[in-house]
Amino acid sequence: MPRHPSLCPQRYFEDFTLGEVFPLPSRTMTDALFAAFQLASGDNHPVHYDVEYCRAHGMPHMLAHGYQVAIQTAAGAGLFPHMVEESLKAFLEQGCRFLAPVYVGDTLYCTLTVSELQAGNTTGVLTLATQVLNQREKLVSDGFQKYLLRKRTAGG
């Protein structure tokens, strides 16, 4: 079976530096994305899927579910997982806060930034801070993701 070609050079725990930024592609939150999220999640509250309900409650359009915003920071949308194909042992943890509403038509800009490097003997935990801005550069969500990566050399 042919080997899957790597999209970029492989990196290990010690190859990352604090403050390193991994931008993700922007995405405009469309009606279709709301419908796909409803289908996948099973969430059927009208605040997320009934524009007239939302308008009757003072919102300009349908409100994105928090998880719908959180998934915009999926590392797989960018190059990070391709960089660690050989060193990734586990996706350990994630957390996020929802700081401002996201509506249909908003465009989201997400970044992952190396915020902590916790070394062990043969592995290390790399923490990525997540940030989601809308088209008005308002912070709508922030959080973190933790990954367990192999070191290139034990103790190194």
C-alpha atoms as a PDB file:
ATOM      1  CA  MET A   1       0.000   0.000   0.000  1.00  0.00           C
ATOM      2  CA  PRO A   2       1.436   3.443  -0.886  1.00  0.00           C
ATOM      3  CA  ARG A   3       2.557   5.705   1.936  1.00  0.00           C
ATOM      4  CA  HIS A   4       0.523   8.851   2.475  1.00  0.00           C
ATOM      5  CA  PRO A   5       2.727  11.830   1.513  1.00  0.00           C
ATOM      6  CA  SER A   6       3.296  14.406   4.243  1.00  0.00           C
ATOM      7  CA  LEU A   7       2.166  17.955   3.449  1.00  0.00           C
ATOM      8  CA  CYS A   8       4.964  19.516   5.483  1.00  0.00           C
ATOM      9  CA  PRO A   9       8.111  18.612   7.432  1.00  0.00           C
ATOM     10  CA  GLN A  10       7.499  16.528  10.550  1.00  0.00           C
ATOM     11  CA  ARG A  11       7.924  18.181  13.937  1.00  0.00           C
ATOM     12  CA  TYR A  12       8.331  16.829  17.438  1.00  0.00           C
ATOM     13  CA  PHE A  13       7.677  18.380  20.842  1.00  0.00           C
ATOM     14  CA  GLU A  14      11.019  20.187  21.075  1.00  0.00           C
ATOM     15  CA  ASP A  15      10.542  21.743  17.612  1.00  0.00           C
ATOM     16  CA  PHE A  16       7.777  24.087  18.837  1.00  0.00           C
ATOM     17  CA  THR A  17       8.265  27.497  20.468  1.00  0.00           C
ATOM     18  CA  LEU A  18       6.067  29.582  22.742  1.00  0.00           C
ATOM     19  CA  GLY A  19       4.086  32.169  20.805  1.00  0.00           C
ATOM     20  CA  GLU A  20       4.172  30.271  17.515  1.00  0.00           C
ATOM     21  CA  VAL A  21       0.898  30.918  15.644  1.00  0.00           C
ATOM     22  CA  PHE A  22      -1.052  28.558  13.385  1.00  0.00           C
ATOM     23  CA  PRO A  23      -3.810  30.429  11.532  1.00  0.00           C
ATOM     24  CA  LEU A  24      -6.848  28.492  10.325  1.00  0.00           C
ATOM     25  CA  PRO A  25      -8.846  29.308   7.188  1.00  0.00           C
ATOM     26  CA  SER A  26     -11.672  31.802   7.714  1.00  0.00           C
ATOM     27  CA  ARG A  27     -15.232  30.581   7.428  1.00  0.00           C
ATOM     28  CA  THR A  28     -18.512  32.420   6.898  1.00  0.00           C
ATOM     29  CA  MET A  29     -21.329  30.927   8.949  1.00  0.00           C
ATOM     30  CA  THR A  30     -23.989  30.100   6.366  1.00  0.00           C
ATOM     31  CA  ASP A  31     -27.501  28.697   6.615  1.00  0.00           C
ATOM     32  CA  ALA A  32     -26.082  25.438   5.248  1.00  0.00           C
ATOM     33  CA  LEU A  33     -23.515  25.203   8.070  1.00  0.00           C
ATOM     34  CA  PHE A  34     -26.281  25.783  10.630  1.00  0.00           C
ATOM     35  CA  ALA A  35     -28.386  23.032   9.014  1.00  0.00           C
ATOM     36  CA  ALA A  36     -25.406  20.632   8.918  1.00  0.00           C
ATOM     37  CA  PHE A  37     -24.672  21.284  12.588  1.00  0.00           C
ATOM     38  CA  GLN A  38     -28.321  20.691  13.507  1.00  0.00           C
ATOM     39  CA  LEU A  39     -28.249  17.389  11.624  1.00  0.00           C
ATOM     40  CA  ALA A  40     -25.002  16.252  13.257  1.00  0.00           C
ATOM     41  CA  SER A  41     -25.831  17.417  16.798  1.00  0.00           C
ATOM     42  CA  GLY A  42     -29.551  16.718  16.966  1.00  0.00           C
ATOM     43  CA  ASP A  43     -30.001  20.091  18.703  1.00  0.00           C
ATOM     44  CA  ASN A  44     -33.351  21.454  17.564  1.00  0.00           C
ATOM     45  CA  HIS A  45     -33.861  24.511  19.780  1.00  0.00           C
ATOM     46  CA  PRO A  46     -35.415  27.296  17.675  1.00  0.00           C
ATOM     47  CA  VAL A  47     -32.789  29.862  18.735  1.00  0.00           C
ATOM     48  CA  HIS A  48     -30.405  27.994  16.425  1.00  0.00           C
ATOM     49  CA  TYR A  49     -32.747  27.123  13.524  1.00  0.00           C
ATOM     50  CA  ASP A  50     -35.783  29.445  13.353  1.00  0.00           C
ATOM     51  CA  VAL A  51     -34.974  32.954  12.146  1.00  0.00           C
ATOM     52  CA  GLU A  52     -38.435  34.315  13.030  1.00  0.00           C
ATOM     53  CA  TYR A  53     -38.155  32.978  16.579  1.00  0.00           C
ATOM     54  CA  CYS A  54     -34.774  34.731  16.869  1.00  0.00           C
ATOM     55  CA  ARG A  55     -36.114  38.025  15.534  1.00  0.00           C
ATOM     56  CA  ALA A  56     -39.060  37.821  17.958  1.00  0.00           C
ATOM     57  CA  HIS A  57     -36.463  37.520  20.734  1.00  0.00           C
ATOM     58  CA  GLY A  58     -34.403  40.537  19.608  1.00  0.00           C
ATOM     59  CA  MET A  59     -31.692  38.781  17.597  1.00  0.00           C
ATOM     60  CA  PRO A  60     -30.814  39.764  14.020  1.00  0.00           C
ATOM     61  CA  HIS A  61     -30.660  36.149  12.785  1.00  0.00           C
ATOM     62  CA  MET A  62     -30.152  32.594  13.990  1.00  0.00           C
ATOM     63  CA  LEU A  63     -27.638  32.217  16.827  1.00  0.00           C
ATOM     64  CA  ALA A  64     -24.792  29.736  16.411  1.00  0.00           C
ATOM     65  CA  HIS A  65     -24.600  26.986  18.999  1.00  0.00           C
ATOM     66  CA  GLY A  66     -21.491  27.240  21.184  1.00  0.00           C
ATOM     67  CA  TYR A  67     -20.149  23.917  19.902  1.00  0.00           C
ATOM     68  CA  GLN A  68     -20.670  25.167  16.351  1.00  0.00           C
ATOM     69  CA  VAL A  69     -18.280  28.016  17.173  1.00  0.00           C
ATOM     70  CA  ALA A  70     -15.850  25.756  19.061  1.00  0.00           C
ATOM     71  CA  ILE A  71     -15.432  23.369  16.118  1.00  0.00           C
ATOM     72  CA  GLN A  72     -14.105  26.232  14.028  1.00  0.00           C
ATOM     73  CA  THR A  73     -10.873  25.837  16.013  1.00  0.00           C
ATOM     74  CA  ALA A  74     -10.419  22.204  14.929  1.00  0.00           C
ATOM     75  CA  ALA A  75      -6.691  21.891  14.320  1.00  0.00           C
ATOM     76  CA  GLY A  76      -7.389  19.630  11.332  1.00  0.00           C
ATOM     77  CA  ALA A  77      -8.504  22.676   9.339  1.00  0.00           C
ATOM     78  CA  GLY A  78      -4.895  23.880   9.288  1.00  0.00           C
ATOM     79  CA  LEU A  79      -1.376  22.466   9.001  1.00  0.00           C
ATOM     80  CA  PHE A  80      -0.728  21.572  12.659  1.00  0.00           C
ATOM     81  CA  PRO A  81      -1.922  17.921  12.491  1.00  0.00           C
ATOM     82  CA  HIS A  82       0.080  17.381   9.300  1.00  0.00           C
ATOM     83  CA  MET A  83       3.209  18.616  11.119  1.00  0.00           C
ATOM     84  CA  VAL A  84       2.790  16.086  13.942  1.00  0.00           C
ATOM     85  CA  GLU A  85       1.724  12.968  12.046  1.00  0.00           C
ATOM     86  CA  GLU A  86       4.803  11.103  13.346  1.00  0.00           C
ATOM     87  CA  SER A  87       4.898  12.580  16.859  1.00  0.00           C
ATOM     88  CA  LEU A  88       1.247  12.876  17.912  1.00  0.00           C
ATOM     89  CA  LYS A  89       0.316  10.418  20.650  1.00  0.00           C
ATOM     90  CA  ALA A  90      -2.983  11.909  21.859  1.00  0.00           C
ATOM     91  CA  PHE A  91      -5.369  14.846  21.862  1.00  0.00           C
ATOM     92  CA  LEU A  92      -5.722  15.210  25.636  1.00  0.00           C
ATOM     93  CA  GLU A  93      -8.056  18.040  26.491  1.00  0.00           C
ATOM     94  CA  GLN A  94      -9.854  21.137  25.301  1.00  0.00           C
ATOM     95  CA  GLY A  95     -11.840  23.955  26.791  1.00  0.00           C
ATOM     96  CA  CYS A  96     -13.394  27.178  25.593  1.00  0.00           C
ATOM     97  CA  ARG A  97     -15.401  30.217  26.553  1.00  0.00           C
ATOM     98  CA  PHE A  98     -18.113  31.860  24.475  1.00  0.00           C
ATOM     99  CA  LEU A  99     -17.731  35.612  24.763  1.00  0.00           C
ATOM    100  CA  ALA A 100     -20.031  37.110  22.111  1.00  0.00           C
ATOM    101  CA  PRO A 101     -22.832  35.860  19.869  1.00  0.00           C
ATOM    102  CA  VAL A 102     -22.222  34.477  16.376  1.00  0.00           C
ATOM    103  CA  TYR A 103     -25.031  34.749  13.817  1.00  0.00           C
ATOM    104  CA  VAL A 104     -25.665  33.528  10.299  1.00  0.00           C
ATOM    105  CA  GLY A 105     -23.526  35.660   7.982  1.00  0.00           C
ATOM    106  CA  ASP A 106     -20.685  36.236  10.458  1.00  0.00           C
ATOM    107  CA  THR A 107     -17.208  35.348   9.240  1.00  0.00           C
ATOM    108  CA  LEU A 108     -14.887  33.754  11.782  1.00  0.00           C
ATOM    109  CA  TYR A 109     -11.088  34.009  11.885  1.00  0.00           C
ATOM    110  CA  CYS A 110      -9.380  31.447  14.113  1.00  0.00           C
ATOM    111  CA  THR A 111      -5.835  31.059  15.359  1.00  0.00           C
ATOM    112  CA  LEU A 112      -4.008  28.463  17.418  1.00  0.00           C
ATOM    113  CA  THR A 113      -1.022  29.764  19.391  1.00  0.00           C
ATOM    114  CA  VAL A 114       1.523  27.708  21.330  1.00  0.00           C
ATOM    115  CA  SER A 115       0.911  28.901  24.887  1.00  0.00           C
ATOM    116  CA  GLU A 116       2.586  26.236  27.028  1.00  0.00           C
ATOM    117  CA  LEU A 117       5.212  23.519  26.591  1.00  0.00           C
ATOM    118  CA  GLN A 118       5.383  20.991  29.420  1.00  0.00           C
ATOM    119  CA  ALA A 119       8.283  18.577  28.855  1.00  0.00           C
ATOM    120  CA  GLY A 120       8.480  15.017  30.086  1.00  0.00           C
ATOM    121  CA  ASN A 121      11.188  12.429  29.470  1.00  0.00           C
ATOM    122  CA  THR A 122      10.073  10.949  26.133  1.00  0.00           C
ATOM    123  CA  THR A 123       7.014  13.125  25.465  1.00  0.00           C
ATOM    124  CA  GLY A 124       5.687  16.587  26.156  1.00  0.00           C
ATOM    125  CA  VAL A 125       2.339  18.320  26.409  1.00  0.00           C
ATOM    126  CA  LEU A 126       1.878  21.157  23.949  1.00  0.00           C
ATOM    127  CA  THR A 127      -0.943  23.586  24.729  1.00  0.00           C
ATOM    128  CA  LEU A 128      -2.472  25.677  21.976  1.00  0.00           C
ATOM    129  CA  ALA A 129      -4.489  28.765  22.921  1.00  0.00           C
ATOM    130  CA  THR A 130      -7.500  29.145  20.638  1.00  0.00           C
ATOM    131  CA  GLN A 131      -8.928  32.463  19.532  1.00  0.00           C
ATOM    132  CA  VAL A 132     -11.975  33.179  17.367  1.00  0.00           C
ATOM    133  CA  LEU A 133     -12.596  36.687  16.027  1.00  0.00           C
ATOM    134  CA  ASN A 134     -15.527  37.799  13.903  1.00  0.00           C
ATOM    135  CA  GLN A 135     -15.390  40.090  10.867  1.00  0.00           C
ATOM    136  CA  ARG A 136     -15.505  43.126  13.175  1.00  0.00           C
ATOM    137  CA  GLU A 137     -12.387  41.813  15.017  1.00  0.00           C
ATOM    138  CA  LYS A 138     -14.480  41.124  18.121  1.00  0.00           C
ATOM    139  CA  LEU A 139     -13.292  38.178  20.215  1.00  0.00           C
ATOM    140  CA  VAL A 140     -16.231  35.743  20.214  1.00  0.00           C
ATOM    141  CA  SER A 141     -14.493  32.712  21.767  1.00  0.00           C
ATOM    142  CA  ASP A 142     -11.207  31.680  23.310  1.00  0.00           C
ATOM    143  CA  GLY A 143      -9.871  28.523  24.868  1.00  0.00           C
ATOM    144  CA  PHE A 144      -7.189  25.857  24.709  1.00  0.00           C
ATOM    145  CA  GLN A 145      -6.275  22.459  23.291  1.00  0.00           C
ATOM    146  CA  LYS A 146      -3.674  20.065  24.726  1.00  0.00           C
ATOM    147  CA  TYR A 147      -1.709  17.510  22.731  1.00  0.00           C
ATOM    148  CA  LEU A 148       0.705  14.810  23.841  1.00  0.00           C
ATOM    149  CA  LEU A 149       3.664  14.707  21.443  1.00  0.00           C
ATOM    150  CA  ARG A 150       6.705  12.464  21.255  1.00  0.00           C
ATOM    151  CA  LYS A 151      10.103  14.016  21.657  1.00  0.00           C
ATOM    152  CA  ARG A 152      12.588  13.529  18.849  1.00  0.00           C
ATOM    153  CA  THR A 153      14.986  11.985  21.388  1.00  0.00           C
ATOM    154  CA  ALA A 154      14.351  10.803  24.952  1.00  0.00           C
ATOM    155  CA  GLY A 155      15.270  13.522  27.417  1.00  0.00           C
ATOM    156  CA  GLY A 156      15.831  15.991  24.534  1.00  0.00           C
END
